[in-house]
N, C-alpha and C. Protein backbone atom coordinates (compact mmCIF):
# COMPACT_ATOMS: atom_id res chain seq x y z
N UNK A 1 28.90 27.89 22.84
CA UNK A 1 28.27 27.21 23.97
C UNK A 1 27.37 26.12 23.42
N UNK A 2 27.58 24.92 23.89
CA UNK A 2 26.83 23.77 23.38
C UNK A 2 25.35 23.87 23.70
N UNK A 3 25.00 24.23 24.93
CA UNK A 3 23.58 24.32 25.33
C UNK A 3 23.12 25.78 25.27
N UNK A 4 22.85 26.24 24.08
CA UNK A 4 22.42 27.63 23.89
C UNK A 4 21.14 27.95 24.65
N UNK A 5 20.31 26.93 24.92
CA UNK A 5 19.07 27.15 25.66
C UNK A 5 19.34 27.51 27.12
N UNK A 6 20.55 27.31 27.59
CA UNK A 6 20.90 27.65 28.98
C UNK A 6 21.72 28.93 29.09
N UNK A 7 22.01 29.55 27.96
CA UNK A 7 22.79 30.78 27.96
C UNK A 7 22.00 31.91 28.62
N UNK A 8 22.71 32.76 29.31
CA UNK A 8 22.09 33.97 29.86
C UNK A 8 22.71 35.17 29.15
N UNK A 9 22.02 36.28 29.20
CA UNK A 9 22.51 37.49 28.56
C UNK A 9 23.69 38.09 29.32
N UNK A 10 24.33 39.04 28.68
CA UNK A 10 25.52 39.67 29.26
C UNK A 10 25.22 40.35 30.60
N UNK A 11 24.10 41.03 30.71
CA UNK A 11 23.76 41.72 31.96
C UNK A 11 23.64 40.72 33.11
N UNK A 12 22.96 39.61 32.85
CA UNK A 12 22.81 38.59 33.89
C UNK A 12 24.15 37.92 34.20
N UNK A 13 24.98 37.71 33.21
CA UNK A 13 26.31 37.12 33.44
C UNK A 13 27.13 38.02 34.35
N UNK A 14 27.07 39.34 34.13
CA UNK A 14 27.78 40.27 35.01
C UNK A 14 27.22 40.23 36.43
N UNK A 15 25.92 40.02 36.55
CA UNK A 15 25.31 39.88 37.88
C UNK A 15 25.88 38.65 38.60
N UNK A 16 26.07 37.56 37.88
CA UNK A 16 26.66 36.36 38.48
C UNK A 16 28.05 36.67 39.02
N UNK A 17 28.85 37.41 38.24
CA UNK A 17 30.19 37.80 38.70
C UNK A 17 30.07 38.67 39.94
N UNK A 18 29.19 39.64 39.89
CA UNK A 18 29.03 40.58 41.00
C UNK A 18 28.63 39.87 42.29
N UNK A 19 27.75 38.91 42.20
CA UNK A 19 27.19 38.27 43.40
C UNK A 19 27.89 36.97 43.80
N UNK A 20 28.84 36.53 43.00
CA UNK A 20 29.55 35.29 43.33
C UNK A 20 30.40 35.45 44.58
N UNK A 21 30.59 34.34 45.29
CA UNK A 21 31.37 34.36 46.52
C UNK A 21 32.87 34.24 46.25
N UNK A 22 33.23 33.39 45.32
CA UNK A 22 34.63 33.20 44.94
C UNK A 22 34.68 32.75 43.49
N UNK A 23 35.87 32.78 42.93
CA UNK A 23 36.05 32.32 41.56
C UNK A 23 37.27 31.43 41.46
N UNK A 24 37.40 30.74 40.34
CA UNK A 24 38.57 29.93 40.08
C UNK A 24 39.31 30.54 38.90
N UNK A 25 40.53 30.97 39.17
CA UNK A 25 41.40 31.54 38.16
C UNK A 25 42.17 30.41 37.50
N UNK A 26 42.07 30.32 36.18
CA UNK A 26 42.78 29.28 35.44
C UNK A 26 43.87 29.91 34.61
N UNK A 27 45.06 29.34 34.74
CA UNK A 27 46.26 29.85 34.09
C UNK A 27 46.94 28.72 33.34
N UNK A 28 47.86 29.07 32.42
CA UNK A 28 48.61 28.04 31.72
C UNK A 28 50.05 28.49 31.54
N UNK A 29 50.96 27.59 31.91
CA UNK A 29 52.38 27.84 31.67
C UNK A 29 52.85 27.15 30.40
N UNK A 30 51.90 26.60 29.63
CA UNK A 30 52.24 25.90 28.40
C UNK A 30 52.50 24.42 28.61
N UNK A 31 52.56 24.00 29.86
CA UNK A 31 52.82 22.60 30.18
C UNK A 31 51.66 22.01 30.96
N UNK A 32 51.43 22.52 32.16
CA UNK A 32 50.39 22.00 33.03
C UNK A 32 49.42 23.13 33.39
N UNK A 33 48.13 23.00 33.07
CA UNK A 33 47.16 24.03 33.47
C UNK A 33 47.14 24.15 35.00
N UNK A 34 46.84 25.35 35.47
CA UNK A 34 46.83 25.62 36.91
C UNK A 34 45.58 26.42 37.24
N UNK A 35 44.75 25.88 38.12
CA UNK A 35 43.55 26.58 38.57
C UNK A 35 43.63 26.83 40.05
N UNK A 36 43.26 28.03 40.47
CA UNK A 36 43.35 28.38 41.88
C UNK A 36 42.09 29.17 42.29
N UNK A 37 41.40 28.72 43.35
CA UNK A 37 40.24 29.47 43.83
C UNK A 37 40.71 30.73 44.55
N UNK A 38 39.95 31.81 44.40
CA UNK A 38 40.33 33.04 45.09
C UNK A 38 39.13 33.96 45.30
N UNK A 39 39.28 34.83 46.28
CA UNK A 39 38.33 35.91 46.51
C UNK A 39 38.60 37.00 45.48
N UNK A 40 37.58 37.76 45.16
CA UNK A 40 37.73 38.80 44.16
C UNK A 40 36.67 39.87 44.39
N UNK A 41 36.86 40.99 43.75
CA UNK A 41 35.80 42.00 43.71
C UNK A 41 35.71 42.54 42.29
N UNK A 42 34.57 43.11 42.01
CA UNK A 42 34.29 43.69 40.70
C UNK A 42 34.19 45.19 40.86
N UNK A 43 34.99 45.92 40.08
CA UNK A 43 34.92 47.38 40.05
C UNK A 43 34.75 47.76 38.60
N UNK A 44 33.64 48.43 38.33
CA UNK A 44 33.22 48.67 36.95
C UNK A 44 33.11 47.30 36.28
N UNK A 45 33.85 47.04 35.25
CA UNK A 45 33.80 45.70 34.63
C UNK A 45 35.17 45.04 34.66
N UNK A 46 35.95 45.38 35.70
CA UNK A 46 37.24 44.75 35.92
C UNK A 46 37.16 43.92 37.20
N UNK A 47 37.85 42.79 37.21
CA UNK A 47 37.87 41.89 38.36
C UNK A 47 39.24 42.03 39.03
N UNK A 48 39.22 42.20 40.36
CA UNK A 48 40.46 42.38 41.12
C UNK A 48 40.61 41.28 42.15
N UNK A 49 41.85 40.88 42.39
CA UNK A 49 42.16 39.94 43.47
C UNK A 49 43.53 40.28 44.04
N UNK A 50 43.78 39.79 45.23
CA UNK A 50 45.07 40.05 45.88
C UNK A 50 45.78 38.74 46.17
N UNK A 51 47.10 38.85 46.36
CA UNK A 51 47.89 37.66 46.68
C UNK A 51 49.26 38.12 47.20
N UNK A 52 50.10 37.15 47.51
CA UNK A 52 51.46 37.44 47.93
C UNK A 52 52.27 37.94 46.73
N UNK A 53 53.49 38.37 46.99
CA UNK A 53 54.35 38.88 45.92
C UNK A 53 55.00 37.79 45.09
N UNK A 54 54.95 36.56 45.55
CA UNK A 54 55.64 35.50 44.80
C UNK A 54 54.85 34.21 44.88
N UNK A 55 55.16 33.30 43.99
CA UNK A 55 54.50 32.00 43.96
C UNK A 55 54.22 31.57 42.54
N UNK A 56 53.71 30.38 42.42
CA UNK A 56 53.44 29.78 41.11
C UNK A 56 52.49 30.63 40.28
N UNK A 57 51.42 31.12 40.91
CA UNK A 57 50.43 31.94 40.21
C UNK A 57 51.10 33.18 39.60
N UNK A 58 51.91 33.86 40.39
CA UNK A 58 52.61 35.07 39.92
C UNK A 58 53.54 34.73 38.75
N UNK A 59 54.29 33.65 38.91
CA UNK A 59 55.23 33.25 37.84
C UNK A 59 54.51 33.01 36.53
N UNK A 60 53.40 32.29 36.60
CA UNK A 60 52.66 31.98 35.37
C UNK A 60 52.07 33.25 34.75
N UNK A 61 51.44 34.10 35.59
CA UNK A 61 50.81 35.32 35.06
C UNK A 61 51.82 36.24 34.40
N UNK A 62 53.02 36.31 34.93
CA UNK A 62 54.05 37.18 34.34
C UNK A 62 54.46 36.69 32.95
N UNK A 63 54.45 35.37 32.75
CA UNK A 63 54.84 34.80 31.47
C UNK A 63 53.69 34.64 30.49
N UNK A 64 52.47 34.51 31.00
CA UNK A 64 51.30 34.35 30.14
C UNK A 64 50.11 35.04 30.81
N UNK A 65 49.80 36.27 30.44
CA UNK A 65 48.73 37.02 31.09
C UNK A 65 47.31 36.64 30.64
N UNK A 66 47.17 35.69 29.72
CA UNK A 66 45.85 35.27 29.27
C UNK A 66 45.25 34.32 30.30
N UNK A 67 44.02 34.61 30.74
CA UNK A 67 43.41 33.82 31.81
C UNK A 67 41.98 33.45 31.48
N UNK A 68 41.47 32.51 32.26
CA UNK A 68 40.05 32.20 32.31
C UNK A 68 39.66 32.27 33.78
N UNK A 69 38.47 32.77 34.06
CA UNK A 69 38.01 32.93 35.43
C UNK A 69 36.57 32.44 35.49
N UNK A 70 36.30 31.48 36.37
CA UNK A 70 34.98 30.87 36.47
C UNK A 70 34.36 31.18 37.83
N UNK A 71 33.11 31.58 37.81
CA UNK A 71 32.34 31.81 39.04
C UNK A 71 31.08 30.96 38.99
N UNK A 72 30.84 30.20 40.04
CA UNK A 72 29.57 29.48 40.19
C UNK A 72 28.79 30.24 41.25
N UNK A 73 27.77 30.93 40.82
CA UNK A 73 26.98 31.73 41.76
C UNK A 73 26.11 30.85 42.64
N UNK A 74 25.58 29.80 42.03
CA UNK A 74 24.67 28.92 42.77
C UNK A 74 24.73 27.54 42.13
N UNK A 75 24.68 26.52 42.99
CA UNK A 75 24.60 25.14 42.48
C UNK A 75 23.83 24.30 43.49
N UNK A 76 22.90 23.53 42.97
CA UNK A 76 22.09 22.64 43.82
C UNK A 76 21.85 21.35 43.05
N UNK A 77 22.21 20.24 43.68
CA UNK A 77 22.04 18.93 43.04
C UNK A 77 20.55 18.61 42.93
N UNK A 78 20.15 18.10 41.78
CA UNK A 78 18.78 17.64 41.53
C UNK A 78 18.85 16.12 41.35
N UNK A 79 18.89 15.36 42.46
CA UNK A 79 19.14 13.92 42.35
C UNK A 79 18.10 13.18 41.53
N UNK A 80 16.83 13.60 41.61
CA UNK A 80 15.78 12.90 40.88
C UNK A 80 15.83 13.17 39.37
N UNK A 81 16.54 14.22 38.99
CA UNK A 81 16.68 14.57 37.57
C UNK A 81 18.07 14.21 37.04
N UNK A 82 18.93 13.67 37.93
CA UNK A 82 20.29 13.31 37.56
C UNK A 82 21.00 14.51 36.95
N UNK A 83 20.84 15.65 37.62
CA UNK A 83 21.37 16.90 37.10
C UNK A 83 21.65 17.87 38.24
N UNK A 84 21.96 19.10 37.88
CA UNK A 84 22.26 20.17 38.83
C UNK A 84 21.58 21.45 38.36
N UNK A 85 20.98 22.17 39.30
CA UNK A 85 20.51 23.52 39.02
C UNK A 85 21.69 24.45 39.33
N UNK A 86 21.99 25.37 38.44
CA UNK A 86 23.19 26.19 38.63
C UNK A 86 23.05 27.54 37.93
N UNK A 87 23.91 28.45 38.32
CA UNK A 87 24.15 29.71 37.62
C UNK A 87 25.67 29.88 37.63
N UNK A 88 26.25 30.02 36.46
CA UNK A 88 27.70 30.14 36.39
C UNK A 88 28.11 31.07 35.25
N UNK A 89 29.35 31.51 35.34
CA UNK A 89 29.88 32.41 34.32
C UNK A 89 31.36 32.09 34.11
N UNK A 90 31.79 32.22 32.88
CA UNK A 90 33.20 32.09 32.54
C UNK A 90 33.63 33.38 31.86
N UNK A 91 34.74 33.90 32.35
CA UNK A 91 35.32 35.13 31.81
C UNK A 91 36.66 34.77 31.17
N UNK A 92 36.93 35.34 30.03
CA UNK A 92 38.25 35.25 29.43
C UNK A 92 38.82 36.66 29.43
N UNK A 93 40.11 36.77 29.76
CA UNK A 93 40.68 38.10 29.82
C UNK A 93 42.18 38.10 29.93
N UNK A 94 42.67 39.28 30.28
CA UNK A 94 44.10 39.52 30.45
C UNK A 94 44.32 40.06 31.84
N UNK A 95 45.36 39.57 32.50
CA UNK A 95 45.64 39.97 33.88
C UNK A 95 46.90 40.82 33.93
N UNK A 96 46.88 41.82 34.81
CA UNK A 96 48.07 42.63 35.03
C UNK A 96 48.08 43.12 36.48
N UNK A 97 49.26 43.40 36.98
CA UNK A 97 49.38 43.91 38.34
C UNK A 97 49.05 45.40 38.34
N UNK A 98 48.42 45.86 39.44
CA UNK A 98 48.09 47.27 39.59
C UNK A 98 48.80 47.83 40.82
N UNK A 99 48.88 49.15 40.89
CA UNK A 99 49.60 49.80 41.98
C UNK A 99 48.88 51.07 42.42
N UNK A 100 49.38 51.65 43.48
CA UNK A 100 48.96 52.94 44.02
C UNK A 100 47.46 53.03 44.24
N UNK A 101 46.80 54.04 43.68
CA UNK A 101 45.38 54.25 43.95
C UNK A 101 44.52 53.07 43.51
N UNK A 102 44.81 52.52 42.34
CA UNK A 102 44.02 51.39 41.85
C UNK A 102 44.17 50.18 42.78
N UNK A 103 45.37 49.98 43.29
CA UNK A 103 45.62 48.88 44.24
C UNK A 103 44.81 49.09 45.51
N UNK A 104 44.86 50.30 46.08
CA UNK A 104 44.09 50.61 47.30
C UNK A 104 42.59 50.46 47.05
N UNK A 105 42.12 50.99 45.93
CA UNK A 105 40.69 50.91 45.61
C UNK A 105 40.23 49.45 45.52
N UNK A 106 41.06 48.60 44.94
CA UNK A 106 40.71 47.19 44.83
C UNK A 106 40.66 46.53 46.21
N UNK A 107 41.62 46.85 47.06
CA UNK A 107 41.62 46.28 48.41
C UNK A 107 40.41 46.77 49.21
N UNK A 108 40.05 48.03 49.03
CA UNK A 108 38.82 48.55 49.67
C UNK A 108 37.61 47.80 49.12
N UNK A 109 37.60 47.53 47.82
CA UNK A 109 36.50 46.77 47.23
C UNK A 109 36.38 45.38 47.84
N UNK A 110 37.50 44.75 48.11
CA UNK A 110 37.48 43.42 48.76
C UNK A 110 36.93 43.53 50.19
N UNK A 111 37.32 44.57 50.91
CA UNK A 111 36.79 44.77 52.27
C UNK A 111 35.28 44.98 52.21
N UNK A 112 34.83 45.81 51.29
CA UNK A 112 33.39 46.07 51.17
C UNK A 112 32.62 44.79 50.86
N UNK A 113 33.19 43.93 50.03
CA UNK A 113 32.50 42.70 49.63
C UNK A 113 32.50 41.65 50.74
N UNK A 114 33.64 41.44 51.38
CA UNK A 114 33.78 40.31 52.29
C UNK A 114 33.75 40.67 53.78
N UNK A 115 34.01 41.93 54.13
CA UNK A 115 34.10 42.30 55.55
C UNK A 115 33.45 43.65 55.82
N UNK A 116 32.31 43.88 55.19
CA UNK A 116 31.67 45.20 55.27
C UNK A 116 31.40 45.64 56.71
N UNK A 117 31.02 44.71 57.57
CA UNK A 117 30.73 45.07 58.96
C UNK A 117 31.98 45.48 59.73
N UNK A 118 33.15 45.28 59.14
CA UNK A 118 34.43 45.62 59.77
C UNK A 118 35.20 46.61 58.90
N UNK A 119 34.48 47.46 58.22
CA UNK A 119 35.04 48.35 57.22
C UNK A 119 36.19 49.21 57.78
N UNK A 120 35.97 49.88 58.89
CA UNK A 120 37.00 50.76 59.46
C UNK A 120 38.25 49.98 59.83
N UNK A 121 38.07 48.83 60.47
CA UNK A 121 39.23 47.99 60.80
C UNK A 121 39.89 47.47 59.53
N UNK A 122 39.08 47.21 58.51
CA UNK A 122 39.62 46.75 57.23
C UNK A 122 40.51 47.79 56.59
N UNK A 123 40.12 49.06 56.68
CA UNK A 123 40.96 50.13 56.12
C UNK A 123 42.31 50.18 56.82
N UNK A 124 42.30 50.01 58.13
CA UNK A 124 43.56 49.98 58.89
C UNK A 124 44.40 48.77 58.48
N UNK A 125 43.74 47.65 58.29
CA UNK A 125 44.44 46.43 57.89
C UNK A 125 45.09 46.61 56.53
N UNK A 126 44.38 47.24 55.61
CA UNK A 126 44.93 47.50 54.28
C UNK A 126 46.24 48.29 54.41
N UNK A 127 46.22 49.34 55.20
CA UNK A 127 47.42 50.17 55.34
C UNK A 127 48.57 49.39 55.95
N UNK A 128 48.26 48.51 56.90
CA UNK A 128 49.34 47.75 57.56
C UNK A 128 49.91 46.66 56.65
N UNK A 129 49.14 46.19 55.67
CA UNK A 129 49.58 45.08 54.81
C UNK A 129 49.86 45.50 53.37
N UNK A 130 49.71 46.78 53.06
CA UNK A 130 49.79 47.25 51.68
C UNK A 130 51.08 46.83 50.97
N UNK A 131 52.20 46.98 51.64
CA UNK A 131 53.49 46.66 51.01
C UNK A 131 53.72 45.16 50.87
N UNK A 132 52.98 44.35 51.61
CA UNK A 132 53.16 42.90 51.58
C UNK A 132 52.16 42.21 50.64
N UNK A 133 51.37 43.03 49.94
CA UNK A 133 50.28 42.49 49.12
C UNK A 133 50.42 42.94 47.67
N UNK A 134 50.21 42.01 46.77
CA UNK A 134 50.11 42.34 45.35
C UNK A 134 48.63 42.31 44.97
N UNK A 135 48.24 43.17 44.04
CA UNK A 135 46.87 43.21 43.55
C UNK A 135 46.92 43.14 42.02
N UNK A 136 46.04 42.30 41.48
CA UNK A 136 45.96 42.10 40.04
C UNK A 136 44.57 42.42 39.53
N UNK A 137 44.53 42.88 38.29
CA UNK A 137 43.27 43.22 37.62
C UNK A 137 43.11 42.31 36.41
N UNK A 138 41.90 41.77 36.28
CA UNK A 138 41.53 41.03 35.07
C UNK A 138 40.71 41.98 34.20
N UNK A 139 41.23 42.28 33.04
CA UNK A 139 40.48 43.04 32.04
C UNK A 139 39.71 42.02 31.21
N UNK A 140 38.41 42.10 31.29
CA UNK A 140 37.55 41.10 30.65
C UNK A 140 37.47 41.35 29.15
N UNK A 141 37.73 40.29 28.38
CA UNK A 141 37.63 40.34 26.93
C UNK A 141 36.38 39.62 26.43
N UNK A 142 35.92 38.64 27.22
CA UNK A 142 34.72 37.88 26.84
C UNK A 142 34.06 37.36 28.12
N UNK A 143 32.74 37.37 28.14
CA UNK A 143 31.99 36.86 29.29
C UNK A 143 30.85 36.00 28.76
N UNK A 144 30.65 34.85 29.42
CA UNK A 144 29.64 33.91 28.97
C UNK A 144 28.99 33.27 30.19
N UNK A 145 27.69 33.41 30.32
CA UNK A 145 26.98 32.84 31.47
C UNK A 145 25.99 31.76 31.07
N UNK A 146 25.75 30.81 32.00
CA UNK A 146 24.79 29.73 31.78
C UNK A 146 24.00 29.52 33.06
N UNK A 147 22.80 28.99 32.91
CA UNK A 147 22.02 28.61 34.09
C UNK A 147 21.06 27.48 33.75
N UNK A 148 20.78 26.71 34.76
CA UNK A 148 19.69 25.71 34.71
C UNK A 148 18.95 25.93 36.00
N UNK A 149 17.74 26.39 35.88
CA UNK A 149 16.98 26.74 37.08
C UNK A 149 15.94 25.73 37.39
């Protein structure tokens, strides 16, 4: 990290992941990098997200499971300082598809994070869409956080 004075510790970096609203998953097919914003949840120290069964993201992940995942927890422009106040984290890891209990647990985690006030309806929705949804887990190999407050 170039600006070591802005580095945050591992505990705080995990907090950024936990409290972030969305992240950008970056993938590579060896030709053109591909970044896609997505909702996610954190269970233990694994990151989960859901998607359809097919598409460019799925094709790339099947051929190259190495990923980067970026979360910006907070950003505010500081026009008078020609800068930005921010808290962000970059994760490097490996992605794989999950099934059965782990898949359900991840979908419940997404409901808890994004639709907690509709939890019971969310559980019903999960059951109705379970077969039409793929769920992937990012196993984190490296985490690095930065902030300018």
